N, C-alpha and C. Protein backbone atom coordinates (compact mmCIF):
# COMPACT_ATOMS: atom_id res chain seq x y z
N UNK A 1 -238.71 -105.09 123.92
CA UNK A 1 -237.73 -105.38 124.96
C UNK A 1 -237.35 -104.06 125.62
N UNK A 2 -237.33 -104.06 126.93
CA UNK A 2 -236.97 -102.86 127.69
C UNK A 2 -235.76 -103.16 128.56
N UNK A 3 -234.97 -102.14 128.82
CA UNK A 3 -233.85 -102.24 129.74
C UNK A 3 -234.04 -101.15 130.79
N UNK A 4 -234.03 -101.58 132.05
CA UNK A 4 -234.25 -100.65 133.14
C UNK A 4 -233.13 -100.79 134.16
N UNK A 5 -232.63 -99.64 134.63
CA UNK A 5 -231.59 -99.63 135.66
C UNK A 5 -232.27 -99.34 137.00
N UNK A 6 -231.92 -100.14 138.01
CA UNK A 6 -232.46 -99.96 139.34
C UNK A 6 -231.34 -99.69 140.32
N UNK A 7 -231.55 -98.73 141.21
CA UNK A 7 -230.61 -98.46 142.29
C UNK A 7 -231.03 -99.31 143.48
N UNK A 8 -230.08 -100.14 143.97
CA UNK A 8 -230.38 -101.07 145.06
C UNK A 8 -229.41 -100.78 146.21
N UNK A 9 -229.81 -99.93 147.17
CA UNK A 9 -228.89 -99.54 148.25
C UNK A 9 -228.38 -100.71 149.10
N UNK A 10 -229.13 -101.82 149.17
CA UNK A 10 -228.74 -102.96 150.01
C UNK A 10 -227.62 -103.81 149.41
N UNK A 11 -227.22 -103.57 148.18
CA UNK A 11 -226.14 -104.36 147.59
C UNK A 11 -224.83 -103.99 148.27
N UNK A 12 -224.14 -105.01 148.79
CA UNK A 12 -222.85 -104.75 149.43
C UNK A 12 -221.71 -105.55 148.82
N UNK A 13 -222.04 -106.58 148.00
CA UNK A 13 -220.97 -107.42 147.46
C UNK A 13 -221.48 -108.17 146.23
N UNK A 14 -220.59 -108.92 145.64
CA UNK A 14 -220.94 -109.72 144.48
C UNK A 14 -221.97 -110.79 144.79
N UNK A 15 -221.97 -111.30 146.02
CA UNK A 15 -222.95 -112.31 146.40
C UNK A 15 -224.37 -111.73 146.32
N UNK A 16 -224.52 -110.47 146.73
CA UNK A 16 -225.83 -109.80 146.64
C UNK A 16 -226.30 -109.77 145.19
N UNK A 17 -225.40 -109.40 144.29
CA UNK A 17 -225.74 -109.33 142.87
C UNK A 17 -226.15 -110.71 142.37
N UNK A 18 -225.42 -111.75 142.76
CA UNK A 18 -225.75 -113.12 142.33
C UNK A 18 -227.13 -113.53 142.82
N UNK A 19 -227.47 -113.18 144.08
CA UNK A 19 -228.79 -113.51 144.62
C UNK A 19 -229.88 -112.83 143.82
N UNK A 20 -229.67 -111.56 143.47
CA UNK A 20 -230.65 -110.82 142.67
C UNK A 20 -230.76 -111.43 141.28
N UNK A 21 -229.62 -111.75 140.66
CA UNK A 21 -229.62 -112.36 139.33
C UNK A 21 -230.40 -113.67 139.34
N UNK A 22 -230.18 -114.49 140.35
CA UNK A 22 -230.84 -115.78 140.43
C UNK A 22 -232.36 -115.60 140.50
N UNK A 23 -232.83 -114.73 141.37
CA UNK A 23 -234.26 -114.54 141.55
C UNK A 23 -234.92 -113.91 140.32
N UNK A 24 -234.33 -112.85 139.81
CA UNK A 24 -234.96 -112.16 138.67
C UNK A 24 -234.90 -112.99 137.40
N UNK A 25 -233.84 -113.79 137.22
CA UNK A 25 -233.72 -114.61 136.02
C UNK A 25 -234.80 -115.67 135.94
N UNK A 26 -235.38 -116.02 137.08
CA UNK A 26 -236.45 -117.02 137.09
C UNK A 26 -237.80 -116.45 136.68
N UNK A 27 -237.89 -115.13 136.56
CA UNK A 27 -239.16 -114.49 136.17
C UNK A 27 -239.38 -114.62 134.68
N UNK A 28 -240.62 -114.93 134.29
CA UNK A 28 -240.97 -114.97 132.87
C UNK A 28 -240.80 -113.58 132.27
N UNK A 29 -240.08 -113.50 131.16
CA UNK A 29 -239.90 -112.24 130.46
C UNK A 29 -238.57 -111.56 130.73
N UNK A 30 -237.88 -111.95 131.81
CA UNK A 30 -236.58 -111.33 132.12
C UNK A 30 -235.51 -112.07 131.33
N UNK A 31 -234.78 -111.34 130.49
CA UNK A 31 -233.78 -112.00 129.65
C UNK A 31 -232.35 -111.82 130.16
N UNK A 32 -232.08 -110.73 130.89
CA UNK A 32 -230.73 -110.60 131.47
C UNK A 32 -230.77 -109.68 132.68
N UNK A 33 -229.83 -109.96 133.60
CA UNK A 33 -229.68 -109.16 134.81
C UNK A 33 -228.19 -108.95 135.02
N UNK A 34 -227.75 -107.71 134.99
CA UNK A 34 -226.36 -107.37 135.24
C UNK A 34 -226.30 -106.49 136.48
N UNK A 35 -225.28 -106.66 137.29
CA UNK A 35 -225.19 -105.86 138.50
C UNK A 35 -223.79 -105.39 138.79
N UNK A 36 -223.69 -104.30 139.54
CA UNK A 36 -222.41 -103.74 139.94
C UNK A 36 -222.47 -103.37 141.41
N UNK A 37 -221.76 -104.15 142.27
CA UNK A 37 -221.78 -103.83 143.70
C UNK A 37 -221.19 -102.46 144.01
N UNK A 38 -220.27 -101.99 143.20
CA UNK A 38 -219.64 -100.69 143.44
C UNK A 38 -220.62 -99.54 143.32
N UNK A 39 -221.47 -99.59 142.28
CA UNK A 39 -222.44 -98.51 142.06
C UNK A 39 -223.79 -98.82 142.72
N UNK A 40 -223.92 -100.04 143.25
CA UNK A 40 -225.17 -100.49 143.87
C UNK A 40 -226.34 -100.40 142.89
N UNK A 41 -226.08 -100.83 141.66
CA UNK A 41 -227.11 -100.79 140.62
C UNK A 41 -227.20 -102.14 139.91
N UNK A 42 -228.41 -102.43 139.43
CA UNK A 42 -228.59 -103.57 138.54
C UNK A 42 -229.29 -103.05 137.28
N UNK A 43 -229.03 -103.73 136.17
CA UNK A 43 -229.67 -103.42 134.92
C UNK A 43 -230.40 -104.68 134.47
N UNK A 44 -231.70 -104.54 134.25
CA UNK A 44 -232.55 -105.68 133.89
C UNK A 44 -233.09 -105.46 132.49
N UNK A 45 -232.92 -106.46 131.62
CA UNK A 45 -233.51 -106.44 130.29
C UNK A 45 -234.69 -107.40 130.32
N UNK A 46 -235.87 -106.89 129.91
CA UNK A 46 -237.09 -107.67 130.07
C UNK A 46 -238.13 -107.28 129.03
N UNK A 47 -239.12 -108.16 128.88
CA UNK A 47 -240.31 -107.84 128.10
C UNK A 47 -241.49 -108.60 128.72
N UNK A 48 -242.67 -108.43 128.17
CA UNK A 48 -243.86 -109.08 128.72
C UNK A 48 -243.65 -110.59 128.77
N UNK A 49 -244.13 -111.25 129.82
CA UNK A 49 -245.10 -110.77 130.79
C UNK A 49 -244.51 -110.02 131.99
N UNK A 50 -243.20 -109.86 132.06
CA UNK A 50 -242.59 -109.11 133.17
C UNK A 50 -242.98 -107.64 133.06
N UNK A 51 -243.08 -106.98 134.20
CA UNK A 51 -243.34 -105.54 134.23
C UNK A 51 -242.37 -104.92 135.23
N UNK A 52 -242.16 -103.63 135.10
CA UNK A 52 -241.29 -102.94 136.05
C UNK A 52 -241.84 -103.10 137.47
N UNK A 53 -243.15 -103.08 137.61
CA UNK A 53 -243.77 -103.21 138.92
C UNK A 53 -243.49 -104.59 139.54
N UNK A 54 -243.62 -105.67 138.75
CA UNK A 54 -243.38 -106.98 139.37
C UNK A 54 -241.89 -107.26 139.58
N UNK A 55 -241.03 -106.61 138.82
CA UNK A 55 -239.59 -106.71 139.09
C UNK A 55 -239.29 -106.03 140.43
N UNK A 56 -239.85 -104.82 140.62
CA UNK A 56 -239.65 -104.11 141.90
C UNK A 56 -240.24 -104.90 143.07
N UNK A 57 -241.39 -105.52 142.85
CA UNK A 57 -242.02 -106.31 143.91
C UNK A 57 -241.15 -107.50 144.30
N UNK A 58 -240.55 -108.15 143.31
CA UNK A 58 -239.66 -109.27 143.59
C UNK A 58 -238.42 -108.80 144.33
N UNK A 59 -237.85 -107.67 143.92
CA UNK A 59 -236.68 -107.12 144.62
C UNK A 59 -237.01 -106.85 146.08
N UNK A 60 -238.17 -106.28 146.33
CA UNK A 60 -238.58 -105.99 147.71
C UNK A 60 -238.76 -107.29 148.50
N UNK A 61 -239.35 -108.28 147.86
CA UNK A 61 -239.61 -109.58 148.50
C UNK A 61 -238.32 -110.26 148.95
N UNK A 62 -237.24 -110.09 148.18
CA UNK A 62 -235.98 -110.74 148.52
C UNK A 62 -235.03 -109.82 149.29
N UNK A 63 -235.59 -108.74 149.83
CA UNK A 63 -234.85 -107.79 150.69
C UNK A 63 -233.79 -106.98 149.97
N UNK A 64 -234.02 -106.71 148.69
CA UNK A 64 -233.18 -105.80 147.92
C UNK A 64 -234.08 -104.78 147.23
N UNK A 65 -234.83 -103.98 148.02
CA UNK A 65 -235.77 -103.06 147.39
C UNK A 65 -235.06 -101.98 146.57
N UNK A 66 -235.68 -101.64 145.45
CA UNK A 66 -235.14 -100.58 144.60
C UNK A 66 -235.42 -99.23 145.25
N UNK A 67 -234.45 -98.34 145.17
CA UNK A 67 -234.63 -96.98 145.71
C UNK A 67 -235.47 -96.17 144.74
N UNK A 68 -236.26 -95.28 145.28
CA UNK A 68 -237.03 -94.37 144.43
C UNK A 68 -238.34 -94.84 144.00
C-alpha cells in the first residue's frame, strides 16, 4: 500500500475535493482520498492495480492536473 500526496493548483473549494474523491475512489486499487482546499493538496492511498501514473492521468482527465 502506498500513500502519495499530490499538489492540485486547480482546487478552489470543498466541491473540487469531492469531485476528485468521487473519481479517484472509483479506480481499482485506490482505498482512500483525502483533500484540503486550503493547501490545494490531496493524499491518495492506493495499491495495485492503481499506479501513480494512472492516478495522475485521471486527475488530468477531470481537469485537476497534479503540479510537477
